[in-house]
Amino acid sequence: MEFLNVILPVLLYIFGIILLIVLIILGIRSIQILERIDRLVGDMEKKVGSLNGLFTIIDRTTDGFAIITDRFVSMAMNAISRLFNKKNKEEDNNE
């Protein structure tokens, strides 16, 4: 029994020291990985920033097409509504 009272604390200290060393190594590795990720994100921001002009041009072009199609649709709707209104007026006059 005294043997266990002597050996178990020593084993616990050894395992605690090993665990502490492993955690320190993992912490250092995670810091290195985070630095790599930070550099990667920085590079991606630069590349996306260089494409902002292209995105602006595409946005303006699609806005222009939307305005043109809206005008065309409104003109077509007005023409169709005028046709139906004329037919309704002619039917009212005949009655």
PDB file of N, CA and C in Angstrom:
ATOM      1  N   MET A   1       0.808  -1.184   0.000  1.00  0.00           N
ATOM      2  CA  MET A   1       0.000   0.000   0.000  1.00  0.00           C
ATOM      3  C   MET A   1       0.858   1.257   0.000  1.00  0.00           C
ATOM      4  N   GLU A   2       1.948   1.188   0.748  1.00  0.00           N
ATOM      5  CA  GLU A   2       2.830   2.346   0.764  1.00  0.00           C
ATOM      6  C   GLU A   2       3.506   2.531  -0.584  1.00  0.00           C
ATOM      7  N   PHE A   3       3.660   1.427  -1.280  1.00  0.00           N
ATOM      8  CA  PHE A   3       4.256   1.495  -2.605  1.00  0.00           C
ATOM      9  C   PHE A   3       3.384   2.355  -3.533  1.00  0.00           C
ATOM     10  N   LEU A   4       2.056   2.144  -3.472  1.00  0.00           N
ATOM     11  CA  LEU A   4       1.138   2.940  -4.296  1.00  0.00           C
ATOM     12  C   LEU A   4       1.115   4.398  -3.856  1.00  0.00           C
ATOM     13  N   ASN A   5       1.225   4.654  -2.573  1.00  0.00           N
ATOM     14  CA  ASN A   5       1.244   6.023  -2.066  1.00  0.00           C
ATOM     15  C   ASN A   5       2.481   6.779  -2.546  1.00  0.00           C
ATOM     16  N   VAL A   6       3.526   6.093  -2.870  1.00  0.00           N
ATOM     17  CA  VAL A   6       4.755   6.736  -3.338  1.00  0.00           C
ATOM     18  C   VAL A   6       4.746   6.843  -4.874  1.00  0.00           C
ATOM     19  N   ILE A   7       4.333   5.787  -5.539  1.00  0.00           N
ATOM     20  CA  ILE A   7       4.427   5.723  -7.002  1.00  0.00           C
ATOM     21  C   ILE A   7       3.345   6.561  -7.690  1.00  0.00           C
ATOM     22  N   LEU A   8       2.086   6.533  -7.206  1.00  0.00           N
ATOM     23  CA  LEU A   8       0.993   7.238  -7.879  1.00  0.00           C
ATOM     24  C   LEU A   8       1.221   8.751  -7.971  1.00  0.00           C
ATOM     25  N   PRO A   9       1.638   9.434  -6.930  1.00  0.00           N
ATOM     26  CA  PRO A   9       1.901  10.873  -7.095  1.00  0.00           C
ATOM     27  C   PRO A   9       3.024  11.154  -8.100  1.00  0.00           C
ATOM     28  N   VAL A  10       4.049  10.308  -8.110  1.00  0.00           N
ATOM     29  CA  VAL A  10       5.143  10.500  -9.062  1.00  0.00           C
ATOM     30  C   VAL A  10       4.629  10.331 -10.487  1.00  0.00           C
ATOM     31  N   LEU A  11       3.816   9.295 -10.717  1.00  0.00           N
ATOM     32  CA  LEU A  11       3.237   9.088 -12.044  1.00  0.00           C
ATOM     33  C   LEU A  11       2.325  10.248 -12.448  1.00  0.00           C
ATOM     34  N   LEU A  12       1.533  10.743 -11.512  1.00  0.00           N
ATOM     35  CA  LEU A  12       0.663  11.877 -11.815  1.00  0.00           C
ATOM     36  C   LEU A  12       1.473  13.122 -12.174  1.00  0.00           C
ATOM     37  N   TYR A  13       2.558  13.377 -11.477  1.00  0.00           N
ATOM     38  CA  TYR A  13       3.420  14.517 -11.802  1.00  0.00           C
ATOM     39  C   TYR A  13       4.050  14.353 -13.186  1.00  0.00           C
ATOM     40  N   ILE A  14       4.501  13.150 -13.484  1.00  0.00           N
ATOM     41  CA  ILE A  14       5.119  12.903 -14.795  1.00  0.00           C
ATOM     42  C   ILE A  14       4.099  13.113 -15.912  1.00  0.00           C
ATOM     43  N   PHE A  15       2.898  12.543 -15.749  1.00  0.00           N
ATOM     44  CA  PHE A  15       1.866  12.720 -16.764  1.00  0.00           C
ATOM     45  C   PHE A  15       1.433  14.186 -16.859  1.00  0.00           C
ATOM     46  N   GLY A  16       1.393  14.873 -15.758  1.00  0.00           N
ATOM     47  CA  GLY A  16       1.057  16.303 -15.777  1.00  0.00           C
ATOM     48  C   GLY A  16       2.091  17.111 -16.538  1.00  0.00           C
ATOM     49  N   ILE A  17       3.369  16.801 -16.329  1.00  0.00           N
ATOM     50  CA  ILE A  17       4.441  17.502 -17.048  1.00  0.00           C
ATOM     51  C   ILE A  17       4.360  17.206 -18.546  1.00  0.00           C
ATOM     52  N   ILE A  18       4.121  15.933 -18.887  1.00  0.00           N
ATOM     53  CA  ILE A  18       3.989  15.562 -20.310  1.00  0.00           C
ATOM     54  C   ILE A  18       2.801  16.290 -20.943  1.00  0.00           C
ATOM     55  N   LEU A  19       1.675  16.330 -20.249  1.00  0.00           N
ATOM     56  CA  LEU A  19       0.493  17.021 -20.753  1.00  0.00           C
ATOM     57  C   LEU A  19       0.758  18.510 -20.939  1.00  0.00           C
ATOM     58  N   LEU A  20       1.452  19.113 -20.000  1.00  0.00           N
ATOM     59  CA  LEU A  20       1.786  20.538 -20.104  1.00  0.00           C
ATOM     60  C   LEU A  20       2.675  20.801 -21.314  1.00  0.00           C
ATOM     61  N   ILE A  21       3.652  19.947 -21.546  1.00  0.00           N
ATOM     62  CA  ILE A  21       4.544  20.109 -22.703  1.00  0.00           C
ATOM     63  C   ILE A  21       3.766  19.953 -24.008  1.00  0.00           C
ATOM     64  N   VAL A  22       2.873  18.953 -24.065  1.00  0.00           N
ATOM     65  CA  VAL A  22       2.065  18.741 -25.269  1.00  0.00           C
ATOM     66  C   VAL A  22       1.165  19.942 -25.525  1.00  0.00           C
ATOM     67  N   LEU A  23       0.552  20.495 -24.496  1.00  0.00           N
ATOM     68  CA  LEU A  23      -0.317  21.656 -24.660  1.00  0.00           C
ATOM     69  C   LEU A  23       0.465  22.879 -25.119  1.00  0.00           C
ATOM     70  N   ILE A  24       1.683  23.048 -24.625  1.00  0.00           N
ATOM     71  CA  ILE A  24       2.518  24.167 -25.076  1.00  0.00           C
ATOM     72  C   ILE A  24       2.858  24.012 -26.563  1.00  0.00           C
ATOM     73  N   ILE A  25       3.211  22.796 -26.967  1.00  0.00           N
ATOM     74  CA  ILE A  25       3.529  22.546 -28.380  1.00  0.00           C
ATOM     75  C   ILE A  25       2.299  22.800 -29.251  1.00  0.00           C
ATOM     76  N   LEU A  26       1.133  22.325 -28.824  1.00  0.00           N
ATOM     77  CA  LEU A  26      -0.091  22.558 -29.586  1.00  0.00           C
ATOM     78  C   LEU A  26      -0.436  24.048 -29.663  1.00  0.00           C
ATOM     79  N   GLY A  27      -0.197  24.774 -28.593  1.00  0.00           N
ATOM     80  CA  GLY A  27      -0.432  26.219 -28.601  1.00  0.00           C
ATOM     81  C   GLY A  27       0.464  26.930 -29.599  1.00  0.00           C
ATOM     82  N   ILE A  28       1.739  26.557 -29.632  1.00  0.00           N
ATOM     83  CA  ILE A  28       2.680  27.169 -30.582  1.00  0.00           C
ATOM     84  C   ILE A  28       2.272  26.839 -32.015  1.00  0.00           C
ATOM     85  N   ARG A  29       1.884  25.588 -32.260  1.00  0.00           N
ATOM     86  CA  ARG A  29       1.451  25.190 -33.613  1.00  0.00           C
ATOM     87  C   ARG A  29       0.195  25.958 -34.029  1.00  0.00           C
ATOM     88  N   SER A  30      -0.746  26.127 -33.109  1.00  0.00           N
ATOM     89  CA  SER A  30      -1.980  26.838 -33.455  1.00  0.00           C
ATOM     90  C   SER A  30      -1.695  28.310 -33.748  1.00  0.00           C
ATOM     91  N   ILE A  31      -0.737  28.901 -33.047  1.00  0.00           N
ATOM     92  CA  ILE A  31      -0.355  30.284 -33.341  1.00  0.00           C
ATOM     93  C   ILE A  31       0.252  30.372 -34.736  1.00  0.00           C
ATOM     94  N   GLN A  32       1.083  29.419 -35.116  1.00  0.00           N
ATOM     95  CA  GLN A  32       1.671  29.409 -36.453  1.00  0.00           C
ATOM     96  C   GLN A  32       0.601  29.237 -37.527  1.00  0.00           C
ATOM     97  N   ILE A  33      -0.360  28.379 -37.274  1.00  0.00           N
ATOM     98  CA  ILE A  33      -1.448  28.173 -38.241  1.00  0.00           C
ATOM     99  C   ILE A  33      -2.272  29.443 -38.385  1.00  0.00           C
ATOM    100  N   LEU A  34      -2.548  30.114 -37.274  1.00  0.00           N
ATOM    101  CA  LEU A  34      -3.318  31.354 -37.329  1.00  0.00           C
ATOM    102  C   LEU A  34      -2.569  32.444 -38.091  1.00  0.00           C
ATOM    103  N   GLU A  35      -1.257  32.489 -37.977  1.00  0.00           N
ATOM    104  CA  GLU A  35      -0.473  33.459 -38.743  1.00  0.00           C
ATOM    105  C   GLU A  35      -0.559  33.167 -40.233  1.00  0.00           C
ATOM    106  N   ARG A  36      -0.503  31.897 -40.620  1.00  0.00           N
ATOM    107  CA  ARG A  36      -0.638  31.522 -42.031  1.00  0.00           C
ATOM    108  C   ARG A  36      -2.015  31.898 -42.560  1.00  0.00           C
ATOM    109  N   ILE A  37      -3.041  31.640 -41.771  1.00  0.00           N
ATOM    110  CA  ILE A  37      -4.400  31.979 -42.174  1.00  0.00           C
ATOM    111  C   ILE A  37      -4.542  33.488 -42.321  1.00  0.00           C
ATOM    112  N   ASP A  38      -3.934  34.239 -41.427  1.00  0.00           N
ATOM    113  CA  ASP A  38      -3.984  35.697 -41.509  1.00  0.00           C
ATOM    114  C   ASP A  38      -3.338  36.199 -42.802  1.00  0.00           C
ATOM    115  N   ARG A  39      -2.201  35.626 -43.167  1.00  0.00           N
ATOM    116  CA  ARG A  39      -1.551  36.010 -44.428  1.00  0.00           C
ATOM    117  C   ARG A  39      -2.421  35.641 -45.626  1.00  0.00           C
ATOM    118  N   LEU A  40      -3.037  34.469 -45.579  1.00  0.00           N
ATOM    119  CA  LEU A  40      -3.907  34.033 -46.662  1.00  0.00           C
ATOM    120  C   LEU A  40      -5.109  34.959 -46.818  1.00  0.00           C
ATOM    121  N   VAL A  41      -5.712  35.337 -45.702  1.00  0.00           N
ATOM    122  CA  VAL A  41      -6.860  36.247 -45.750  1.00  0.00           C
ATOM    123  C   VAL A  41      -6.427  37.613 -46.284  1.00  0.00           C
ATOM    124  N   GLY A  42      -5.254  38.074 -45.902  1.00  0.00           N
ATOM    125  CA  GLY A  42      -4.740  39.333 -46.419  1.00  0.00           C
ATOM    126  C   GLY A  42      -4.560  39.296 -47.927  1.00  0.00           C
ATOM    127  N   ASP A  43      -4.024  38.204 -48.440  1.00  0.00           N
ATOM    128  CA  ASP A  43      -3.860  38.049 -49.890  1.00  0.00           C
ATOM    129  C   ASP A  43      -5.215  38.012 -50.594  1.00  0.00           C
ATOM    130  N   MET A  44      -6.170  37.316 -50.003  1.00  0.00           N
ATOM    131  CA  MET A  44      -7.502  37.241 -50.606  1.00  0.00           C
ATOM    132  C   MET A  44      -8.160  38.616 -50.646  1.00  0.00           C
ATOM    133  N   GLU A  45      -7.988  39.416 -49.588  1.00  0.00           N
ATOM    134  CA  GLU A  45      -8.556  40.760 -49.569  1.00  0.00           C
ATOM    135  C   GLU A  45      -7.947  41.617 -50.671  1.00  0.00           C
ATOM    136  N   LYS A  46      -6.656  41.479 -50.911  1.00  0.00           N
ATOM    137  CA  LYS A  46      -6.014  42.240 -51.980  1.00  0.00           C
ATOM    138  C   LYS A  46      -6.578  41.838 -53.338  1.00  0.00           C
ATOM    139  N   LYS A  47      -6.746  40.540 -53.555  1.00  0.00           N
ATOM    140  CA  LYS A  47      -7.260  40.067 -54.842  1.00  0.00           C
ATOM    141  C   LYS A  47      -8.705  40.488 -55.053  1.00  0.00           C
ATOM    142  N   VAL A  48      -9.513  40.410 -54.026  1.00  0.00           N
ATOM    143  CA  VAL A  48     -10.912  40.830 -54.142  1.00  0.00           C
ATOM    144  C   VAL A  48     -10.975  42.337 -54.343  1.00  0.00           C
ATOM    145  N   GLY A  49     -10.107  43.067 -53.679  1.00  0.00           N
ATOM    146  CA  GLY A  49     -10.069  44.519 -53.848  1.00  0.00           C
ATOM    147  C   GLY A  49      -9.724  44.920 -55.267  1.00  0.00           C
ATOM    148  N   SER A  50      -8.894  44.136 -55.925  1.00  0.00           N
ATOM    149  CA  SER A  50      -8.538  44.446 -57.306  1.00  0.00           C
ATOM    150  C   SER A  50      -9.706  44.197 -58.252  1.00  0.00           C
ATOM    151  N   LEU A  51     -10.674  43.383 -57.860  1.00  0.00           N
ATOM    152  CA  LEU A  51     -11.840  43.094 -58.697  1.00  0.00           C
ATOM    153  C   LEU A  51     -13.015  44.026 -58.440  1.00  0.00           C
ATOM    154  N   ASN A  52     -12.897  44.955 -57.499  1.00  0.00           N
ATOM    155  CA  ASN A  52     -14.008  45.843 -57.179  1.00  0.00           C
ATOM    156  C   ASN A  52     -14.439  46.671 -58.383  1.00  0.00           C
ATOM    157  N   GLY A  53     -13.492  47.117 -59.202  1.00  0.00           N
ATOM    158  CA  GLY A  53     -13.833  47.891 -60.388  1.00  0.00           C
ATOM    159  C   GLY A  53     -14.691  47.084 -61.356  1.00  0.00           C
ATOM    160  N   LEU A  54     -14.323  45.840 -61.553  1.00  0.00           N
ATOM    161  CA  LEU A  54     -15.094  44.967 -62.439  1.00  0.00           C
ATOM    162  C   LEU A  54     -16.508  44.758 -61.899  1.00  0.00           C
ATOM    163  N   PHE A  55     -16.636  44.546 -60.597  1.00  0.00           N
ATOM    164  CA  PHE A  55     -17.955  44.368 -60.004  1.00  0.00           C
ATOM    165  C   PHE A  55     -18.797  45.627 -60.140  1.00  0.00           C
ATOM    166  N   THR A  56     -18.177  46.789 -60.036  1.00  0.00           N
ATOM    167  CA  THR A  56     -18.900  48.045 -60.193  1.00  0.00           C
ATOM    168  C   THR A  56     -19.426  48.179 -61.619  1.00  0.00           C
ATOM    169  N   ILE A  57     -18.606  47.836 -62.603  1.00  0.00           N
ATOM    170  CA  ILE A  57     -19.035  47.910 -63.997  1.00  0.00           C
ATOM    171  C   ILE A  57     -20.198  46.949 -64.255  1.00  0.00           C
ATOM    172  N   ILE A  58     -20.095  45.752 -63.743  1.00  0.00           N
ATOM    173  CA  ILE A  58     -21.171  44.768 -63.919  1.00  0.00           C
ATOM    174  C   ILE A  58     -22.451  45.263 -63.255  1.00  0.00           C
ATOM    175  N   ASP A  59     -22.335  45.842 -62.083  1.00  0.00           N
ATOM    176  CA  ASP A  59     -23.506  46.356 -61.369  1.00  0.00           C
ATOM    177  C   ASP A  59     -24.174  47.477 -62.149  1.00  0.00           C
ATOM    178  N   ARG A  60     -23.400  48.393 -62.680  1.00  0.00           N
ATOM    179  CA  ARG A  60     -23.978  49.499 -63.451  1.00  0.00           C
ATOM    180  C   ARG A  60     -24.629  48.982 -64.729  1.00  0.00           C
ATOM    181  N   THR A  61     -24.012  48.003 -65.370  1.00  0.00           N
ATOM    182  CA  THR A  61     -24.583  47.441 -66.595  1.00  0.00           C
ATOM    183  C   THR A  61     -25.923  46.767 -66.316  1.00  0.00           C
ATOM    184  N   THR A  62     -25.986  45.981 -65.262  1.00  0.00           N
ATOM    185  CA  THR A  62     -27.253  45.316 -64.937  1.00  0.00           C
ATOM    186  C   THR A  62     -28.311  46.325 -64.531  1.00  0.00           C
ATOM    187  N   ASP A  63     -27.924  47.399 -63.854  1.00  0.00           N
ATOM    188  CA  ASP A  63     -28.890  48.452 -63.519  1.00  0.00           C
ATOM    189  C   ASP A  63     -29.429  49.107 -64.786  1.00  0.00           C
ATOM    190  N   GLY A  64     -28.562  49.345 -65.754  1.00  0.00           N
ATOM    191  CA  GLY A  64     -29.002  49.927 -67.027  1.00  0.00           C
ATOM    192  C   GLY A  64     -29.972  49.019 -67.758  1.00  0.00           C
ATOM    193  N   PHE A  65     -29.655  47.720 -67.801  1.00  0.00           N
ATOM    194  CA  PHE A  65     -30.570  46.776 -68.442  1.00  0.00           C
ATOM    195  C   PHE A  65     -31.913  46.724 -67.718  1.00  0.00           C
ATOM    196  N   ALA A  66     -31.888  46.809 -66.407  1.00  0.00           N
ATOM    197  CA  ALA A  66     -33.132  46.777 -65.637  1.00  0.00           C
ATOM    198  C   ALA A  66     -33.985  47.999 -65.944  1.00  0.00           C
ATOM    199  N   ILE A  67     -33.363  49.157 -66.069  1.00  0.00           N
ATOM    200  CA  ILE A  67     -34.111  50.379 -66.392  1.00  0.00           C
ATOM    201  C   ILE A  67     -34.728  50.264 -67.783  1.00  0.00           C
ATOM    202  N   ILE A  68     -33.945  49.773 -68.734  1.00  0.00           N
ATOM    203  CA  ILE A  68     -34.452  49.643 -70.104  1.00  0.00           C
ATOM    204  C   ILE A  68     -35.610  48.655 -70.163  1.00  0.00           C
ATOM    205  N   THR A  69     -35.475  47.522 -69.511  1.00  0.00           N
ATOM    206  CA  THR A  69     -36.561  46.535 -69.546  1.00  0.00           C
ATOM    207  C   THR A  69     -37.786  47.039 -68.804  1.00  0.00           C
ATOM    208  N   ASP A  70     -37.597  47.783 -67.716  1.00  0.00           N
ATOM    209  CA  ASP A  70     -38.745  48.352 -67.010  1.00  0.00           C
ATOM    210  C   ASP A  70     -39.498  49.330 -67.898  1.00  0.00           C
ATOM    211  N   ARG A  71     -38.777  50.164 -68.631  1.00  0.00           N
ATOM    212  CA  ARG A  71     -39.443  51.109 -69.542  1.00  0.00           C
ATOM    213  C   ARG A  71     -40.174  50.358 -70.651  1.00  0.00           C
ATOM    214  N   PHE A  72     -39.541  49.344 -71.205  1.00  0.00           N
ATOM    215  CA  PHE A  72     -40.171  48.573 -72.274  1.00  0.00           C
ATOM    216  C   PHE A  72     -41.448  47.899 -71.765  1.00  0.00           C
ATOM    217  N   VAL A  73     -41.393  47.321 -70.594  1.00  0.00           N
ATOM    218  CA  VAL A  73     -42.558  46.642 -70.033  1.00  0.00           C
ATOM    219  C   VAL A  73     -43.667  47.641 -69.745  1.00  0.00           C
ATOM    220  N   SER A  74     -43.317  48.800 -69.204  1.00  0.00           N
ATOM    221  CA  SER A  74     -44.348  49.795 -68.915  1.00  0.00           C
ATOM    222  C   SER A  74     -44.986  50.317 -70.200  1.00  0.00           C
ATOM    223  N   MET A  75     -44.178  50.518 -71.271  1.00  0.00           N
ATOM    224  CA  MET A  75     -44.743  50.950 -72.548  1.00  0.00           C
ATOM    225  C   MET A  75     -45.667  49.881 -73.116  1.00  0.00           C
ATOM    226  N   ALA A  76     -45.271  48.630 -73.031  1.00  0.00           N
ATOM    227  CA  ALA A  76     -46.109  47.544 -73.529  1.00  0.00           C
ATOM    228  C   ALA A  76     -47.405  47.451 -72.724  1.00  0.00           C
ATOM    229  N   MET A  77     -47.317  47.596 -71.440  1.00  0.00           N
ATOM    230  CA  MET A  77     -48.519  47.541 -70.591  1.00  0.00           C
ATOM    231  C   MET A  77     -49.458  48.699 -70.915  1.00  0.00           C
ATOM    232  N   ASN A  78     -48.894  49.892 -71.129  1.00  0.00           N
ATOM    233  CA  ASN A  78     -49.731  51.039 -71.485  1.00  0.00           C
ATOM    234  C   ASN A  78     -50.426  50.797 -72.822  1.00  0.00           C
ATOM    235  N   ALA A  79     -49.696  50.251 -73.800  1.00  0.00           N
ATOM    236  CA  ALA A  79     -50.296  49.987 -75.111  1.00  0.00           C
ATOM    237  C   ALA A  79     -51.414  48.958 -74.991  1.00  0.00           C
ATOM    238  N   ILE A  80     -51.182  47.908 -74.248  1.00  0.00           N
ATOM    239  CA  ILE A  80     -52.210  46.871 -74.082  1.00  0.00           C
ATOM    240  C   ILE A  80     -53.417  47.421 -73.340  1.00  0.00           C
ATOM    241  N   SER A  81     -53.173  48.206 -72.297  1.00  0.00           N
ATOM    242  CA  SER A  81     -54.307  48.771 -71.546  1.00  0.00           C
ATOM    243  C   SER A  81     -55.093  49.750 -72.406  1.00  0.00           C
ATOM    244  N   ARG A  82     -54.438  50.493 -73.297  1.00  0.00           N
ATOM    245  CA  ARG A  82     -55.148  51.405 -74.203  1.00  0.00           C
ATOM    246  C   ARG A  82     -56.036  50.615 -75.167  1.00  0.00           C
ATOM    247  N   LEU A  83     -55.516  49.481 -75.670  1.00  0.00           N
ATOM    248  CA  LEU A  83     -56.323  48.660 -76.562  1.00  0.00           C
ATOM    249  C   LEU A  83     -57.583  48.158 -75.867  1.00  0.00           C
ATOM    250  N   PHE A  84     -57.430  47.658 -74.648  1.00  0.00           N
ATOM    251  CA  PHE A  84     -58.590  47.150 -73.923  1.00  0.00           C
ATOM    252  C   PHE A  84     -59.529  48.277 -73.534  1.00  0.00           C
ATOM    253  N   ASN A  85     -58.987  49.441 -73.210  1.00  0.00           N
ATOM    254  CA  ASN A  85     -59.850  50.569 -72.856  1.00  0.00           C
ATOM    255  C   ASN A  85     -60.648  51.024 -74.077  1.00  0.00           C
ATOM    256  N   LYS A  86     -60.050  51.034 -75.265  1.00  0.00           N
ATOM    257  CA  LYS A  86     -60.769  51.419 -76.480  1.00  0.00           C
ATOM    258  C   LYS A  86     -61.875  50.422 -76.772  1.00  0.00           C
ATOM    259  N   LYS A  87     -61.600  49.127 -76.608  1.00  0.00           N
ATOM    260  CA  LYS A  87     -62.631  48.115 -76.844  1.00  0.00           C
ATOM    261  C   LYS A  87     -63.770  48.276 -75.853  1.00  0.00           C
ATOM    262  N   ASN A  88     -63.452  48.564 -74.602  1.00  0.00           N
ATOM    263  CA  ASN A  88     -64.496  48.738 -73.591  1.00  0.00           C
ATOM    264  C   ASN A  88     -65.324  49.981 -73.887  1.00  0.00           C
ATOM    265  N   LYS A  89     -64.689  51.054 -74.353  1.00  0.00           N
ATOM    266  CA  LYS A  89     -65.421  52.274 -74.678  1.00  0.00           C
ATOM    267  C   LYS A  89     -66.337  52.059 -75.883  1.00  0.00           C
ATOM    268  N   GLU A  90     -65.840  51.309 -76.878  1.00  0.00           N
ATOM    269  CA  GLU A  90     -66.665  51.020 -78.044  1.00  0.00           C
ATOM    270  C   GLU A  90     -67.876  50.179 -77.656  1.00  0.00           C
ATOM    271  N   GLU A  91     -67.699  49.219 -76.767  1.00  0.00           N
ATOM    272  CA  GLU A  91     -68.811  48.377 -76.317  1.00  0.00           C
ATOM    273  C   GLU A  91     -69.810  49.203 -75.520  1.00  0.00           C
ATOM    274  N   ASP A  92     -69.324  50.157 -74.691  1.00  0.00           N
ATOM    275  CA  ASP A  92     -70.206  51.014 -73.928  1.00  0.00           C
ATOM    276  C   ASP A  92     -71.012  51.924 -74.853  1.00  0.00           C
ATOM    277  N   ASN A  93     -70.382  52.419 -75.909  1.00  0.00           N
ATOM    278  CA  ASN A  93     -71.081  53.302 -76.847  1.00  0.00           C
ATOM    279  C   ASN A  93     -72.140  52.525 -77.636  1.00  0.00           C
ATOM    280  N   ASN A  94     -71.882  51.279 -77.964  1.00  0.00           N
ATOM    281  CA  ASN A  94     -72.846  50.453 -78.707  1.00  0.00           C
ATOM    282  C   ASN A  94     -74.081  50.120 -77.889  1.00  0.00           C
ATOM    283  N   GLU A  95     -73.928  50.039 -76.591  1.00  0.00           N
ATOM    284  CA  GLU A  95     -75.054  49.679 -75.728  1.00  0.00           C
ATOM    285  C   GLU A  95     -75.933  50.876 -75.610  1.00  0.00           C
TER     286      GLU A  95
END
